[in-house]
Amino acid sequence: MDALGKLCTEGKQLADYLWQVPKDEAARQKIVAILDQIAAEAGKQGRKEMPRICAELTTAAKASPSPQQVDVLVSGFDRLVNLWQAAKSGLL
């Protein structure tokens, strides 16, 4: 697993964690930092969709905690993981 894959996986785990503790501000800040790293790494690799998804998720991570907001983060990280896996398998 490369650096991008590790970041996507770690972010997904944190987003899943927010289902149990939606008001954990430290986890939210870590998600924002991970999203910044994913966007930078994806940009270096020439991926255009991942940084756009990261921007959307950063907005969601900074919003007030709610089930809808956590759902946006979880589904967004699912998309990032799927894009990363597709690129690694040669589909993209």
PDB file of N, CA and C in Angstrom:
ATOM      1  N   MET A   1       0.849  -1.175   0.000  1.00  0.00           N
ATOM      2  CA  MET A   1       0.000   0.000   0.000  1.00  0.00           C
ATOM      3  C   MET A   1       0.898   1.242   0.000  1.00  0.00           C
ATOM      4  N   ASP A   2       0.631   2.141  -0.922  1.00  0.00           N
ATOM      5  CA  ASP A   2       1.432   3.364  -0.997  1.00  0.00           C
ATOM      6  C   ASP A   2       0.905   4.424  -0.022  1.00  0.00           C
ATOM      7  N   ALA A   3       1.561   5.574  -0.002  1.00  0.00           N
ATOM      8  CA  ALA A   3       1.206   6.638   0.950  1.00  0.00           C
ATOM      9  C   ALA A   3      -0.231   7.101   0.755  1.00  0.00           C
ATOM     10  N   LEU A   4      -0.663   7.226  -0.483  1.00  0.00           N
ATOM     11  CA  LEU A   4      -2.022   7.685  -0.764  1.00  0.00           C
ATOM     12  C   LEU A   4      -3.050   6.686  -0.239  1.00  0.00           C
ATOM     13  N   GLY A   5      -2.784   5.415  -0.442  1.00  0.00           N
ATOM     14  CA  GLY A   5      -3.684   4.372   0.055  1.00  0.00           C
ATOM     15  C   GLY A   5      -3.783   4.377   1.572  1.00  0.00           C
ATOM     16  N   LYS A   6      -2.639   4.575   2.236  1.00  0.00           N
ATOM     17  CA  LYS A   6      -2.641   4.628   3.698  1.00  0.00           C
ATOM     18  C   LYS A   6      -3.451   5.821   4.198  1.00  0.00           C
ATOM     19  N   LEU A   7      -3.291   6.971   3.542  1.00  0.00           N
ATOM     20  CA  LEU A   7      -4.045   8.162   3.952  1.00  0.00           C
ATOM     21  C   LEU A   7      -5.546   7.956   3.760  1.00  0.00           C
ATOM     22  N   CYS A   8      -5.934   7.391   2.627  1.00  0.00           N
ATOM     23  CA  CYS A   8      -7.358   7.147   2.355  1.00  0.00           C
ATOM     24  C   CYS A   8      -7.948   6.182   3.385  1.00  0.00           C
ATOM     25  N   THR A   9      -7.201   5.123   3.691  1.00  0.00           N
ATOM     26  CA  THR A   9      -7.671   4.129   4.658  1.00  0.00           C
ATOM     27  C   THR A   9      -7.775   4.728   6.058  1.00  0.00           C
ATOM     28  N   GLU A  10      -6.766   5.495   6.447  1.00  0.00           N
ATOM     29  CA  GLU A  10      -6.786   6.121   7.777  1.00  0.00           C
ATOM     30  C   GLU A  10      -7.952   7.106   7.890  1.00  0.00           C
ATOM     31  N   GLY A  11      -8.172   7.883   6.843  1.00  0.00           N
ATOM     32  CA  GLY A  11      -9.288   8.823   6.853  1.00  0.00           C
ATOM     33  C   GLY A  11     -10.625   8.116   6.946  1.00  0.00           C
ATOM     34  N   LYS A  12     -10.765   7.002   6.241  1.00  0.00           N
ATOM     35  CA  LYS A  12     -12.009   6.243   6.286  1.00  0.00           C
ATOM     36  C   LYS A  12     -12.256   5.717   7.695  1.00  0.00           C
ATOM     37  N   GLN A  13     -11.202   5.217   8.336  1.00  0.00           N
ATOM     38  CA  GLN A  13     -11.350   4.700   9.701  1.00  0.00           C
ATOM     39  C   GLN A  13     -11.775   5.816  10.661  1.00  0.00           C
ATOM     40  N   LEU A  14     -11.200   7.002  10.498  1.00  0.00           N
ATOM     41  CA  LEU A  14     -11.580   8.132  11.353  1.00  0.00           C
ATOM     42  C   LEU A  14     -13.019   8.554  11.091  1.00  0.00           C
ATOM     43  N   ALA A  15     -13.428   8.572   9.826  1.00  0.00           N
ATOM     44  CA  ALA A  15     -14.809   8.942   9.499  1.00  0.00           C
ATOM     45  C   ALA A  15     -15.777   7.925  10.098  1.00  0.00           C
ATOM     46  N   ASP A  16     -15.443   6.639  10.023  1.00  0.00           N
ATOM     47  CA  ASP A  16     -16.280   5.602  10.638  1.00  0.00           C
ATOM     48  C   ASP A  16     -16.355   5.806  12.149  1.00  0.00           C
ATOM     49  N   TYR A  17     -15.248   6.187  12.758  1.00  0.00           N
ATOM     50  CA  TYR A  17     -15.193   6.445  14.200  1.00  0.00           C
ATOM     51  C   TYR A  17     -16.157   7.561  14.590  1.00  0.00           C
ATOM     52  N   LEU A  18     -16.318   8.559  13.712  1.00  0.00           N
ATOM     53  CA  LEU A  18     -17.200   9.688  14.032  1.00  0.00           C
ATOM     54  C   LEU A  18     -18.659   9.267  14.158  1.00  0.00           C
ATOM     55  N   TRP A  19     -19.022   8.102  13.625  1.00  0.00           N
ATOM     56  CA  TRP A  19     -20.393   7.618  13.848  1.00  0.00           C
ATOM     57  C   TRP A  19     -20.627   7.397  15.337  1.00  0.00           C
ATOM     58  N   GLN A  20     -19.589   6.952  16.060  1.00  0.00           N
ATOM     59  CA  GLN A  20     -19.726   6.686  17.485  1.00  0.00           C
ATOM     60  C   GLN A  20     -19.523   7.937  18.324  1.00  0.00           C
ATOM     61  N   VAL A  21     -18.616   8.810  17.905  1.00  0.00           N
ATOM     62  CA  VAL A  21     -18.290  10.015  18.669  1.00  0.00           C
ATOM     63  C   VAL A  21     -18.296  11.212  17.710  1.00  0.00           C
ATOM     64  N   PRO A  22     -19.484  11.660  17.282  1.00  0.00           N
ATOM     65  CA  PRO A  22     -19.548  12.695  16.238  1.00  0.00           C
ATOM     66  C   PRO A  22     -18.962  14.047  16.644  1.00  0.00           C
ATOM     67  N   LYS A  23     -18.845  14.309  17.931  1.00  0.00           N
ATOM     68  CA  LYS A  23     -18.352  15.633  18.360  1.00  0.00           C
ATOM     69  C   LYS A  23     -16.873  15.622  18.731  1.00  0.00           C
ATOM     70  N   ASP A  24     -16.135  14.586  18.343  1.00  0.00           N
ATOM     71  CA  ASP A  24     -14.716  14.503  18.652  1.00  0.00           C
ATOM     72  C   ASP A  24     -13.953  15.487  17.751  1.00  0.00           C
ATOM     73  N   GLU A  25     -13.647  16.654  18.315  1.00  0.00           N
ATOM     74  CA  GLU A  25     -13.007  17.723  17.537  1.00  0.00           C
ATOM     75  C   GLU A  25     -11.604  17.340  17.079  1.00  0.00           C
ATOM     76  N   ALA A  26     -10.870  16.592  17.903  1.00  0.00           N
ATOM     77  CA  ALA A  26      -9.521  16.180  17.527  1.00  0.00           C
ATOM     78  C   ALA A  26      -9.562  15.270  16.293  1.00  0.00           C
ATOM     79  N   ALA A  27     -10.529  14.371  16.242  1.00  0.00           N
ATOM     80  CA  ALA A  27     -10.657  13.480  15.076  1.00  0.00           C
ATOM     81  C   ALA A  27     -11.011  14.290  13.834  1.00  0.00           C
ATOM     82  N   ARG A  28     -11.862  15.286  14.005  1.00  0.00           N
ATOM     83  CA  ARG A  28     -12.236  16.133  12.867  1.00  0.00           C
ATOM     84  C   ARG A  28     -11.030  16.899  12.329  1.00  0.00           C
ATOM     85  N   GLN A  29     -10.211  17.432  13.229  1.00  0.00           N
ATOM     86  CA  GLN A  29      -9.013  18.156  12.808  1.00  0.00           C
ATOM     87  C   GLN A  29      -8.045  17.222  12.090  1.00  0.00           C
ATOM     88  N   LYS A  30      -7.943  15.998  12.581  1.00  0.00           N
ATOM     89  CA  LYS A  30      -7.060  15.023  11.938  1.00  0.00           C
ATOM     90  C   LYS A  30      -7.581  14.685  10.538  1.00  0.00           C
ATOM     91  N   ILE A  31      -8.900  14.582  10.392  1.00  0.00           N
ATOM     92  CA  ILE A  31      -9.494  14.314   9.074  1.00  0.00           C
ATOM     93  C   ILE A  31      -9.148  15.446   8.109  1.00  0.00           C
ATOM     94  N   VAL A  32      -9.252  16.692   8.566  1.00  0.00           N
ATOM     95  CA  VAL A  32      -8.919  17.842   7.706  1.00  0.00           C
ATOM     96  C   VAL A  32      -7.454  17.756   7.272  1.00  0.00           C
ATOM     97  N   ALA A  33      -6.561  17.415   8.205  1.00  0.00           N
ATOM     98  CA  ALA A  33      -5.138  17.290   7.873  1.00  0.00           C
ATOM     99  C   ALA A  33      -4.907  16.162   6.867  1.00  0.00           C
ATOM    100  N   ILE A  34      -5.579  15.038   7.056  1.00  0.00           N
ATOM    101  CA  ILE A  34      -5.445  13.912   6.132  1.00  0.00           C
ATOM    102  C   ILE A  34      -5.957  14.302   4.747  1.00  0.00           C
ATOM    103  N   LEU A  35      -7.076  15.016   4.695  1.00  0.00           N
ATOM    104  CA  LEU A  35      -7.623  15.450   3.407  1.00  0.00           C
ATOM    105  C   LEU A  35      -6.644  16.361   2.671  1.00  0.00           C
ATOM    106  N   ASP A  36      -5.975  17.242   3.410  1.00  0.00           N
ATOM    107  CA  ASP A  36      -4.959  18.116   2.793  1.00  0.00           C
ATOM    108  C   ASP A  36      -3.819  17.275   2.206  1.00  0.00           C
ATOM    109  N   GLN A  37      -3.403  16.250   2.944  1.00  0.00           N
ATOM    110  CA  GLN A  37      -2.318  15.389   2.474  1.00  0.00           C
ATOM    111  C   GLN A  37      -2.750  14.579   1.254  1.00  0.00           C
ATOM    112  N   ILE A  38      -3.984  14.069   1.275  1.00  0.00           N
ATOM    113  CA  ILE A  38      -4.492  13.303   0.129  1.00  0.00           C
ATOM    114  C   ILE A  38      -4.538  14.187  -1.105  1.00  0.00           C
ATOM    115  N   ALA A  39      -5.048  15.404  -0.955  1.00  0.00           N
ATOM    116  CA  ALA A  39      -5.143  16.319  -2.098  1.00  0.00           C
ATOM    117  C   ALA A  39      -3.760  16.615  -2.668  1.00  0.00           C
ATOM    118  N   ALA A  40      -2.780  16.841  -1.796  1.00  0.00           N
ATOM    119  CA  ALA A  40      -1.425  17.139  -2.252  1.00  0.00           C
ATOM    120  C   ALA A  40      -0.817  15.930  -2.959  1.00  0.00           C
ATOM    121  N   GLU A  41      -0.953  14.765  -2.364  1.00  0.00           N
ATOM    122  CA  GLU A  41      -0.377  13.547  -2.950  1.00  0.00           C
ATOM    123  C   GLU A  41      -1.061  13.202  -4.276  1.00  0.00           C
ATOM    124  N   ALA A  42      -2.376  13.327  -4.319  1.00  0.00           N
ATOM    125  CA  ALA A  42      -3.118  13.038  -5.554  1.00  0.00           C
ATOM    126  C   ALA A  42      -2.736  14.028  -6.651  1.00  0.00           C
ATOM    127  N   GLY A  43      -2.530  15.281  -6.267  1.00  0.00           N
ATOM    128  CA  GLY A  43      -2.117  16.293  -7.240  1.00  0.00           C
ATOM    129  C   GLY A  43      -0.763  15.963  -7.848  1.00  0.00           C
ATOM    130  N   LYS A  44       0.160  15.468  -7.021  1.00  0.00           N
ATOM    131  CA  LYS A  44       1.484  15.073  -7.514  1.00  0.00           C
ATOM    132  C   LYS A  44       1.374  13.939  -8.536  1.00  0.00           C
ATOM    133  N   GLN A  45       0.370  13.084  -8.331  1.00  0.00           N
ATOM    134  CA  GLN A  45       0.190  11.932  -9.220  1.00  0.00           C
ATOM    135  C   GLN A  45      -0.678  12.275 -10.428  1.00  0.00           C
ATOM    136  N   GLY A  46      -1.098  13.531 -10.517  1.00  0.00           N
ATOM    137  CA  GLY A  46      -1.881  13.961 -11.665  1.00  0.00           C
ATOM    138  C   GLY A  46      -3.349  13.585 -11.609  1.00  0.00           C
ATOM    139  N   ARG A  47      -3.837  13.242 -10.441  1.00  0.00           N
ATOM    140  CA  ARG A  47      -5.251  12.886 -10.293  1.00  0.00           C
ATOM    141  C   ARG A  47      -6.049  14.154 -10.048  1.00  0.00           C
ATOM    142  N   LYS A  48      -7.082  14.347 -10.825  1.00  0.00           N
ATOM    143  CA  LYS A  48      -7.848  15.586 -10.718  1.00  0.00           C
ATOM    144  C   LYS A  48      -9.094  15.456  -9.846  1.00  0.00           C
ATOM    145  N   GLU A  49      -9.694  14.270  -9.793  1.00  0.00           N
ATOM    146  CA  GLU A  49     -10.941  14.123  -9.054  1.00  0.00           C
ATOM    147  C   GLU A  49     -10.725  14.075  -7.544  1.00  0.00           C
ATOM    148  N   MET A  50      -9.646  13.442  -7.103  1.00  0.00           N
ATOM    149  CA  MET A  50      -9.430  13.286  -5.661  1.00  0.00           C
ATOM    150  C   MET A  50      -9.292  14.625  -4.930  1.00  0.00           C
ATOM    151  N   PRO A  51      -8.516  15.594  -5.445  1.00  0.00           N
ATOM    152  CA  PRO A  51      -8.453  16.881  -4.739  1.00  0.00           C
ATOM    153  C   PRO A  51      -9.815  17.583  -4.651  1.00  0.00           C
ATOM    154  N   ARG A  52     -10.642  17.413  -5.679  1.00  0.00           N
ATOM    155  CA  ARG A  52     -11.980  18.024  -5.658  1.00  0.00           C
ATOM    156  C   ARG A  52     -12.837  17.384  -4.563  1.00  0.00           C
ATOM    157  N   ILE A  53     -12.774  16.060  -4.449  1.00  0.00           N
ATOM    158  CA  ILE A  53     -13.511  15.355  -3.393  1.00  0.00           C
ATOM    159  C   ILE A  53     -12.993  15.799  -2.024  1.00  0.00           C
ATOM    160  N   CYS A  54     -11.678  15.940  -1.902  1.00  0.00           N
ATOM    161  CA  CYS A  54     -11.083  16.378  -0.632  1.00  0.00           C
ATOM    162  C   CYS A  54     -11.600  17.753  -0.225  1.00  0.00           C
ATOM    163  N   ALA A  55     -11.751  18.650  -1.186  1.00  0.00           N
ATOM    164  CA  ALA A  55     -12.260  19.992  -0.882  1.00  0.00           C
ATOM    165  C   ALA A  55     -13.684  19.907  -0.338  1.00  0.00           C
ATOM    166  N   GLU A  56     -14.506  19.056  -0.950  1.00  0.00           N
ATOM    167  CA  GLU A  56     -15.883  18.875  -0.466  1.00  0.00           C
ATOM    168  C   GLU A  56     -15.890  18.302   0.946  1.00  0.00           C
ATOM    169  N   LEU A  57     -15.029  17.323   1.183  1.00  0.00           N
ATOM    170  CA  LEU A  57     -14.994  16.671   2.490  1.00  0.00           C
ATOM    171  C   LEU A  57     -14.433  17.592   3.573  1.00  0.00           C
ATOM    172  N   THR A  58     -13.507  18.465   3.210  1.00  0.00           N
ATOM    173  CA  THR A  58     -12.974  19.422   4.181  1.00  0.00           C
ATOM    174  C   THR A  58     -14.097  20.335   4.677  1.00  0.00           C
ATOM    175  N   THR A  59     -14.945  20.768   3.754  1.00  0.00           N
ATOM    176  CA  THR A  59     -16.101  21.588   4.145  1.00  0.00           C
ATOM    177  C   THR A  59     -16.988  20.818   5.110  1.00  0.00           C
ATOM    178  N   ALA A  60     -17.247  19.552   4.811  1.00  0.00           N
ATOM    179  CA  ALA A  60     -18.090  18.724   5.682  1.00  0.00           C
ATOM    180  C   ALA A  60     -17.437  18.511   7.046  1.00  0.00           C
ATOM    181  N   ALA A  61     -16.130  18.306   7.065  1.00  0.00           N
ATOM    182  CA  ALA A  61     -15.430  18.055   8.334  1.00  0.00           C
ATOM    183  C   ALA A  61     -15.459  19.277   9.243  1.00  0.00           C
ATOM    184  N   LYS A  62     -15.510  20.461   8.633  1.00  0.00           N
ATOM    185  CA  LYS A  62     -15.525  21.694   9.426  1.00  0.00           C
ATOM    186  C   LYS A  62     -16.943  22.124   9.823  1.00  0.00           C
ATOM    187  N   ALA A  63     -17.948  21.470   9.269  1.00  0.00           N
ATOM    188  CA  ALA A  63     -19.338  21.803   9.595  1.00  0.00           C
ATOM    189  C   ALA A  63     -19.681  21.287  10.992  1.00  0.00           C
ATOM    190  N   SER A  64     -20.789  21.766  11.525  1.00  0.00           N
ATOM    191  CA  SER A  64     -21.184  21.304  12.852  1.00  0.00           C
ATOM    192  C   SER A  64     -21.578  19.824  12.781  1.00  0.00           C
ATOM    193  N   PRO A  65     -21.243  19.072  13.833  1.00  0.00           N
ATOM    194  CA  PRO A  65     -21.480  17.633  13.829  1.00  0.00           C
ATOM    195  C   PRO A  65     -22.964  17.282  13.657  1.00  0.00           C
ATOM    196  N   SER A  66     -23.231  16.363  12.754  1.00  0.00           N
ATOM    197  CA  SER A  66     -24.584  15.848  12.544  1.00  0.00           C
ATOM    198  C   SER A  66     -24.457  14.494  11.844  1.00  0.00           C
ATOM    199  N   PRO A  67     -25.503  13.667  11.923  1.00  0.00           N
ATOM    200  CA  PRO A  67     -25.450  12.375  11.219  1.00  0.00           C
ATOM    201  C   PRO A  67     -25.248  12.553   9.711  1.00  0.00           C
ATOM    202  N   GLN A  68     -25.860  13.572   9.139  1.00  0.00           N
ATOM    203  CA  GLN A  68     -25.719  13.806   7.698  1.00  0.00           C
ATOM    204  C   GLN A  68     -24.272  14.151   7.355  1.00  0.00           C
ATOM    205  N   GLN A  69     -23.650  14.965   8.199  1.00  0.00           N
ATOM    206  CA  GLN A  69     -22.282  15.390   7.963  1.00  0.00           C
ATOM    207  C   GLN A  69     -21.335  14.198   8.061  1.00  0.00           C
ATOM    208  N   VAL A  70     -21.548  13.327   9.032  1.00  0.00           N
ATOM    209  CA  VAL A  70     -20.710  12.137   9.172  1.00  0.00           C
ATOM    210  C   VAL A  70     -20.916  11.225   7.963  1.00  0.00           C
ATOM    211  N   ASP A  71     -22.162  11.113   7.497  1.00  0.00           N
ATOM    212  CA  ASP A  71     -22.452  10.281   6.329  1.00  0.00           C
ATOM    213  C   ASP A  71     -21.719  10.802   5.091  1.00  0.00           C
ATOM    214  N   VAL A  72     -21.659  12.121   4.937  1.00  0.00           N
ATOM    215  CA  VAL A  72     -20.928  12.717   3.809  1.00  0.00           C
ATOM    216  C   VAL A  72     -19.449  12.332   3.890  1.00  0.00           C
ATOM    217  N   LEU A  73     -18.878  12.402   5.086  1.00  0.00           N
ATOM    218  CA  LEU A  73     -17.462  12.040   5.256  1.00  0.00           C
ATOM    219  C   LEU A  73     -17.210  10.565   4.950  1.00  0.00           C
ATOM    220  N   VAL A  74     -18.067   9.696   5.488  1.00  0.00           N
ATOM    221  CA  VAL A  74     -17.885   8.257   5.277  1.00  0.00           C
ATOM    222  C   VAL A  74     -18.002   7.917   3.793  1.00  0.00           C
ATOM    223  N   SER A  75     -19.043   8.424   3.140  1.00  0.00           N
ATOM    224  CA  SER A  75     -19.215   8.098   1.720  1.00  0.00           C
ATOM    225  C   SER A  75     -18.112   8.738   0.874  1.00  0.00           C
ATOM    226  N   GLY A  76     -17.642   9.913   1.263  1.00  0.00           N
ATOM    227  CA  GLY A  76     -16.552  10.563   0.541  1.00  0.00           C
ATOM    228  C   GLY A  76     -15.257   9.777   0.626  1.00  0.00           C
ATOM    229  N   PHE A  77     -14.946   9.280   1.821  1.00  0.00           N
ATOM    230  CA  PHE A  77     -13.734   8.468   1.958  1.00  0.00           C
ATOM    231  C   PHE A  77     -13.888   7.142   1.222  1.00  0.00           C
ATOM    232  N   ASP A  78     -15.117   6.602   1.175  1.00  0.00           N
ATOM    233  CA  ASP A  78     -15.349   5.400   0.362  1.00  0.00           C
ATOM    234  C   ASP A  78     -14.992   5.683  -1.097  1.00  0.00           C
ATOM    235  N   ARG A  79     -15.416   6.837  -1.604  1.00  0.00           N
ATOM    236  CA  ARG A  79     -15.098   7.213  -2.981  1.00  0.00           C
ATOM    237  C   ARG A  79     -13.596   7.339  -3.191  1.00  0.00           C
ATOM    238  N   LEU A  80     -12.915   7.971  -2.231  1.00  0.00           N
ATOM    239  CA  LEU A  80     -11.463   8.127  -2.344  1.00  0.00           C
ATOM    240  C   LEU A  80     -10.754   6.770  -2.358  1.00  0.00           C
ATOM    241  N   VAL A  81     -11.168   5.873  -1.468  1.00  0.00           N
ATOM    242  CA  VAL A  81     -10.560   4.536  -1.415  1.00  0.00           C
ATOM    243  C   VAL A  81     -10.814   3.804  -2.732  1.00  0.00           C
ATOM    244  N   ASN A  82     -12.038   3.893  -3.248  1.00  0.00           N
ATOM    245  CA  ASN A  82     -12.365   3.215  -4.504  1.00  0.00           C
ATOM    246  C   ASN A  82     -11.554   3.781  -5.667  1.00  0.00           C
ATOM    247  N   LEU A  83     -11.384   5.103  -5.713  1.00  0.00           N
ATOM    248  CA  LEU A  83     -10.569   5.714  -6.772  1.00  0.00           C
ATOM    249  C   LEU A  83      -9.120   5.258  -6.668  1.00  0.00           C
ATOM    250  N   TRP A  84      -8.600   5.219  -5.447  1.00  0.00           N
ATOM    251  CA  TRP A  84      -7.221   4.780  -5.243  1.00  0.00           C
ATOM    252  C   TRP A  84      -7.063   3.322  -5.690  1.00  0.00           C
ATOM    253  N   GLN A  85      -8.022   2.450  -5.296  1.00  0.00           N
ATOM    254  CA  GLN A  85      -7.932   1.041  -5.675  1.00  0.00           C
ATOM    255  C   GLN A  85      -8.031   0.870  -7.186  1.00  0.00           C
ATOM    256  N   ALA A  86      -8.908   1.631  -7.820  1.00  0.00           N
ATOM    257  CA  ALA A  86      -9.061   1.535  -9.266  1.00  0.00           C
ATOM    258  C   ALA A  86      -7.761   1.948  -9.971  1.00  0.00           C
ATOM    259  N   ALA A  87      -7.130   3.009  -9.471  1.00  0.00           N
ATOM    260  CA  ALA A  87      -5.871   3.461 -10.071  1.00  0.00           C
ATOM    261  C   ALA A  87      -4.764   2.419  -9.860  1.00  0.00           C
ATOM    262  N   LYS A  88      -4.722   1.801  -8.688  1.00  0.00           N
ATOM    263  CA  LYS A  88      -3.688   0.808  -8.417  1.00  0.00           C
ATOM    264  C   LYS A  88      -3.869  -0.443  -9.276  1.00  0.00           C
ATOM    265  N   SER A  89      -5.121  -0.778  -9.589  1.00  0.00           N
ATOM    266  CA  SER A  89      -5.367  -1.972 -10.385  1.00  0.00           C
ATOM    267  C   SER A  89      -5.242  -1.710 -11.880  1.00  0.00           C
ATOM    268  N   GLY A  90      -5.015  -0.436 -12.238  1.00  0.00           N
ATOM    269  CA  GLY A  90      -4.839  -0.098 -13.637  1.00  0.00           C
ATOM    270  C   GLY A  90      -6.113   0.266 -14.359  1.00  0.00           C
ATOM    271  N   LEU A  91      -7.219   0.372 -13.627  1.00  0.00           N
ATOM    272  CA  LEU A  91      -8.487   0.726 -14.274  1.00  0.00           C
ATOM    273  C   LEU A  91      -8.564   2.198 -14.625  1.00  0.00           C
ATOM    274  N   LEU A  92      -7.779   3.036 -13.925  1.00  0.00           N
ATOM    275  CA  LEU A  92      -7.777   4.477 -14.219  1.00  0.00           C
ATOM    276  C   LEU A  92      -6.419   4.899 -14.733  1.00  0.00           C
TER     277      LEU A  92
END
